[in-house]
Amino acid sequence: MEISPRISVNEKVRFGKPVITGTRVPVDLVLGKLAGGMTYEEVIAEYEITREDILAVLDYAAKTISSEEIRAIG
């Protein structure tokens, strides 16, 4: 099931974690690699995805975080 453009979930793929549609590459893996310093080109080569896939991952992450509600305790 596509939950965002180019991002899908399927309970039989990666335990239902969001992945790039048509692959088994999890969204959190791509984010982690970028945060760790890999370039777009390195991620593209390593996981055989496209620049558009990376942009979809970033868009999904931004939208997910923007809808998150944080409550201070104390």
N, C-alpha and C. Protein backbone atom coordinates (compact mmCIF):
# COMPACT_ATOMS: atom_id res chain seq x y z
N MET A 1 0.85 -1.17 0.00
CA MET A 1 0.00 0.00 0.00
C MET A 1 0.90 1.24 0.00
N GLU A 2 0.66 2.13 -0.95
CA GLU A 2 1.45 3.36 -1.01
C GLU A 2 0.91 4.35 0.01
N ILE A 3 1.79 4.83 0.89
CA ILE A 3 1.37 5.76 1.95
C ILE A 3 1.79 7.19 1.65
N SER A 4 2.64 7.33 0.67
CA SER A 4 3.14 8.64 0.23
C SER A 4 3.71 8.39 -1.17
N PRO A 5 3.83 9.41 -2.00
CA PRO A 5 4.41 9.16 -3.32
C PRO A 5 5.76 8.45 -3.22
N ARG A 6 5.86 7.28 -3.86
CA ARG A 6 7.06 6.44 -3.93
C ARG A 6 7.40 5.72 -2.62
N ILE A 7 6.56 5.84 -1.60
CA ILE A 7 6.81 5.17 -0.32
C ILE A 7 5.64 4.22 -0.03
N SER A 8 5.98 2.97 0.28
CA SER A 8 4.95 1.95 0.51
C SER A 8 5.20 1.17 1.79
N VAL A 9 4.15 0.54 2.27
CA VAL A 9 4.27 -0.42 3.38
C VAL A 9 3.56 -1.70 2.98
N ASN A 10 4.14 -2.81 3.40
CA ASN A 10 3.57 -4.13 3.16
C ASN A 10 4.07 -5.00 4.31
N GLU A 11 3.15 -5.59 5.04
CA GLU A 11 3.55 -6.38 6.21
C GLU A 11 4.51 -7.52 5.86
N LYS A 12 4.56 -7.92 4.60
CA LYS A 12 5.45 -9.01 4.18
C LYS A 12 6.82 -8.50 3.71
N VAL A 13 7.00 -7.20 3.67
CA VAL A 13 8.28 -6.61 3.25
C VAL A 13 8.84 -5.80 4.40
N ARG A 14 10.00 -6.20 4.88
CA ARG A 14 10.69 -5.48 5.96
C ARG A 14 9.81 -5.25 7.18
N PHE A 15 9.00 -6.25 7.50
CA PHE A 15 8.16 -6.22 8.70
C PHE A 15 7.18 -5.06 8.73
N GLY A 16 6.78 -4.58 7.53
CA GLY A 16 5.80 -3.50 7.45
C GLY A 16 6.38 -2.11 7.61
N LYS A 17 7.70 -1.99 7.61
CA LYS A 17 8.34 -0.67 7.68
C LYS A 17 8.18 0.03 6.34
N PRO A 18 8.11 1.36 6.33
CA PRO A 18 8.03 2.09 5.06
C PRO A 18 9.30 1.85 4.22
N VAL A 19 9.08 1.53 2.95
CA VAL A 19 10.17 1.30 2.01
C VAL A 19 9.92 2.10 0.73
N ILE A 20 10.94 2.24 -0.07
CA ILE A 20 10.78 2.85 -1.38
C ILE A 20 9.99 1.87 -2.23
N THR A 21 8.92 2.35 -2.84
CA THR A 21 8.04 1.50 -3.63
C THR A 21 8.82 0.73 -4.69
N GLY A 22 8.54 -0.58 -4.76
CA GLY A 22 9.19 -1.44 -5.73
C GLY A 22 10.55 -1.96 -5.30
N THR A 23 10.94 -1.63 -4.07
CA THR A 23 12.23 -2.08 -3.53
C THR A 23 12.01 -2.64 -2.13
N ARG A 24 13.09 -3.09 -1.53
CA ARG A 24 13.07 -3.49 -0.13
C ARG A 24 13.92 -2.51 0.70
N VAL A 25 14.17 -1.33 0.15
CA VAL A 25 15.04 -0.34 0.79
C VAL A 25 14.20 0.50 1.76
N PRO A 26 14.44 0.36 3.07
CA PRO A 26 13.66 1.11 4.05
C PRO A 26 13.98 2.60 4.07
N VAL A 27 12.96 3.38 4.34
CA VAL A 27 13.10 4.83 4.45
C VAL A 27 14.14 5.18 5.52
N ASP A 28 14.07 4.54 6.67
CA ASP A 28 15.00 4.89 7.75
C ASP A 28 16.45 4.58 7.39
N LEU A 29 16.69 3.58 6.57
CA LEU A 29 18.04 3.25 6.13
C LEU A 29 18.61 4.39 5.28
N VAL A 30 17.82 4.86 4.32
CA VAL A 30 18.26 5.96 3.46
C VAL A 30 18.53 7.21 4.29
N LEU A 31 17.62 7.53 5.21
CA LEU A 31 17.83 8.70 6.07
C LEU A 31 19.10 8.56 6.89
N GLY A 32 19.32 7.39 7.44
CA GLY A 32 20.51 7.15 8.24
C GLY A 32 21.80 7.29 7.45
N LYS A 33 21.79 6.77 6.23
CA LYS A 33 22.98 6.88 5.39
C LYS A 33 23.28 8.33 5.04
N LEU A 34 22.23 9.10 4.71
CA LEU A 34 22.43 10.52 4.41
C LEU A 34 22.91 11.27 5.65
N ALA A 35 22.31 10.98 6.80
CA ALA A 35 22.72 11.63 8.05
C ALA A 35 24.15 11.26 8.42
N GLY A 36 24.57 10.06 8.03
CA GLY A 36 25.93 9.60 8.31
C GLY A 36 26.97 10.17 7.38
N GLY A 37 26.54 10.92 6.38
CA GLY A 37 27.50 11.59 5.51
C GLY A 37 27.59 11.06 4.09
N MET A 38 26.85 10.02 3.76
CA MET A 38 26.88 9.55 2.37
C MET A 38 26.23 10.59 1.47
N THR A 39 26.72 10.71 0.27
CA THR A 39 26.13 11.63 -0.70
C THR A 39 24.95 10.95 -1.39
N TYR A 40 24.14 11.75 -2.06
CA TYR A 40 23.05 11.18 -2.85
C TYR A 40 23.60 10.14 -3.82
N GLU A 41 24.69 10.48 -4.49
CA GLU A 41 25.26 9.60 -5.50
C GLU A 41 25.71 8.27 -4.89
N GLU A 42 26.29 8.32 -3.69
CA GLU A 42 26.72 7.08 -3.02
C GLU A 42 25.53 6.21 -2.65
N VAL A 43 24.48 6.83 -2.15
CA VAL A 43 23.28 6.08 -1.77
C VAL A 43 22.62 5.48 -3.02
N ILE A 44 22.55 6.26 -4.07
CA ILE A 44 21.97 5.78 -5.34
C ILE A 44 22.73 4.56 -5.84
N ALA A 45 24.04 4.63 -5.83
CA ALA A 45 24.86 3.52 -6.31
C ALA A 45 24.76 2.30 -5.39
N GLU A 46 24.79 2.53 -4.10
CA GLU A 46 24.77 1.42 -3.12
C GLU A 46 23.45 0.65 -3.13
N TYR A 47 22.33 1.36 -3.25
CA TYR A 47 21.02 0.72 -3.10
C TYR A 47 20.20 0.67 -4.39
N GLU A 48 20.79 1.11 -5.49
CA GLU A 48 20.14 1.06 -6.80
C GLU A 48 18.78 1.74 -6.79
N ILE A 49 18.77 2.96 -6.24
CA ILE A 49 17.56 3.78 -6.22
C ILE A 49 17.85 5.05 -7.02
N THR A 50 16.85 5.91 -7.15
CA THR A 50 17.02 7.13 -7.94
C THR A 50 17.05 8.37 -7.04
N ARG A 51 17.45 9.47 -7.63
CA ARG A 51 17.41 10.75 -6.91
C ARG A 51 15.99 11.06 -6.49
N GLU A 52 15.02 10.75 -7.34
CA GLU A 52 13.61 10.98 -7.01
C GLU A 52 13.18 10.15 -5.81
N ASP A 53 13.72 8.93 -5.69
CA ASP A 53 13.43 8.09 -4.52
C ASP A 53 13.95 8.76 -3.24
N ILE A 54 15.16 9.29 -3.30
CA ILE A 54 15.74 9.97 -2.14
C ILE A 54 14.90 11.19 -1.76
N LEU A 55 14.50 11.96 -2.76
CA LEU A 55 13.67 13.13 -2.48
C LEU A 55 12.33 12.72 -1.88
N ALA A 56 11.78 11.59 -2.32
CA ALA A 56 10.52 11.09 -1.75
C ALA A 56 10.72 10.68 -0.29
N VAL A 57 11.85 10.07 0.02
CA VAL A 57 12.18 9.70 1.40
C VAL A 57 12.24 10.95 2.27
N LEU A 58 12.94 11.97 1.80
CA LEU A 58 13.07 13.21 2.57
C LEU A 58 11.72 13.89 2.75
N ASP A 59 10.90 13.88 1.72
CA ASP A 59 9.57 14.48 1.80
C ASP A 59 8.70 13.73 2.81
N TYR A 60 8.74 12.40 2.75
CA TYR A 60 7.97 11.58 3.69
C TYR A 60 8.42 11.85 5.12
N ALA A 61 9.71 11.90 5.34
CA ALA A 61 10.24 12.15 6.69
C ALA A 61 9.83 13.53 7.19
N ALA A 62 9.93 14.53 6.34
CA ALA A 62 9.55 15.90 6.74
C ALA A 62 8.07 15.96 7.10
N LYS A 63 7.23 15.34 6.31
CA LYS A 63 5.79 15.36 6.58
C LYS A 63 5.46 14.59 7.86
N THR A 64 6.15 13.48 8.08
CA THR A 64 5.92 12.69 9.29
C THR A 64 6.31 13.47 10.53
N ILE A 65 7.46 14.11 10.49
CA ILE A 65 7.93 14.90 11.63
C ILE A 65 7.05 16.12 11.87
N SER A 66 6.59 16.74 10.80
CA SER A 66 5.77 17.95 10.97
C SER A 66 4.42 17.66 11.61
N SER A 67 3.95 16.43 11.48
CA SER A 67 2.66 16.08 12.09
C SER A 67 2.82 15.50 13.50
N GLU A 68 4.07 15.36 13.94
CA GLU A 68 4.36 14.81 15.26
C GLU A 68 4.02 15.84 16.34
N GLU A 69 3.41 15.36 17.41
CA GLU A 69 3.07 16.25 18.52
C GLU A 69 3.95 15.93 19.71
N ILE A 70 4.67 16.92 20.18
CA ILE A 70 5.58 16.78 21.32
C ILE A 70 4.94 17.48 22.53
N ARG A 71 4.96 16.79 23.64
CA ARG A 71 4.43 17.37 24.87
C ARG A 71 5.50 17.35 25.95
N ALA A 72 5.74 18.51 26.53
CA ALA A 72 6.71 18.61 27.61
C ALA A 72 6.08 18.08 28.90
N ILE A 73 6.87 17.34 29.65
CA ILE A 73 6.40 16.80 30.93
C ILE A 73 7.23 17.43 32.03
N GLY A 74 6.55 17.92 33.04
CA GLY A 74 7.31 18.43 34.17
C GLY A 74 7.09 19.85 34.49
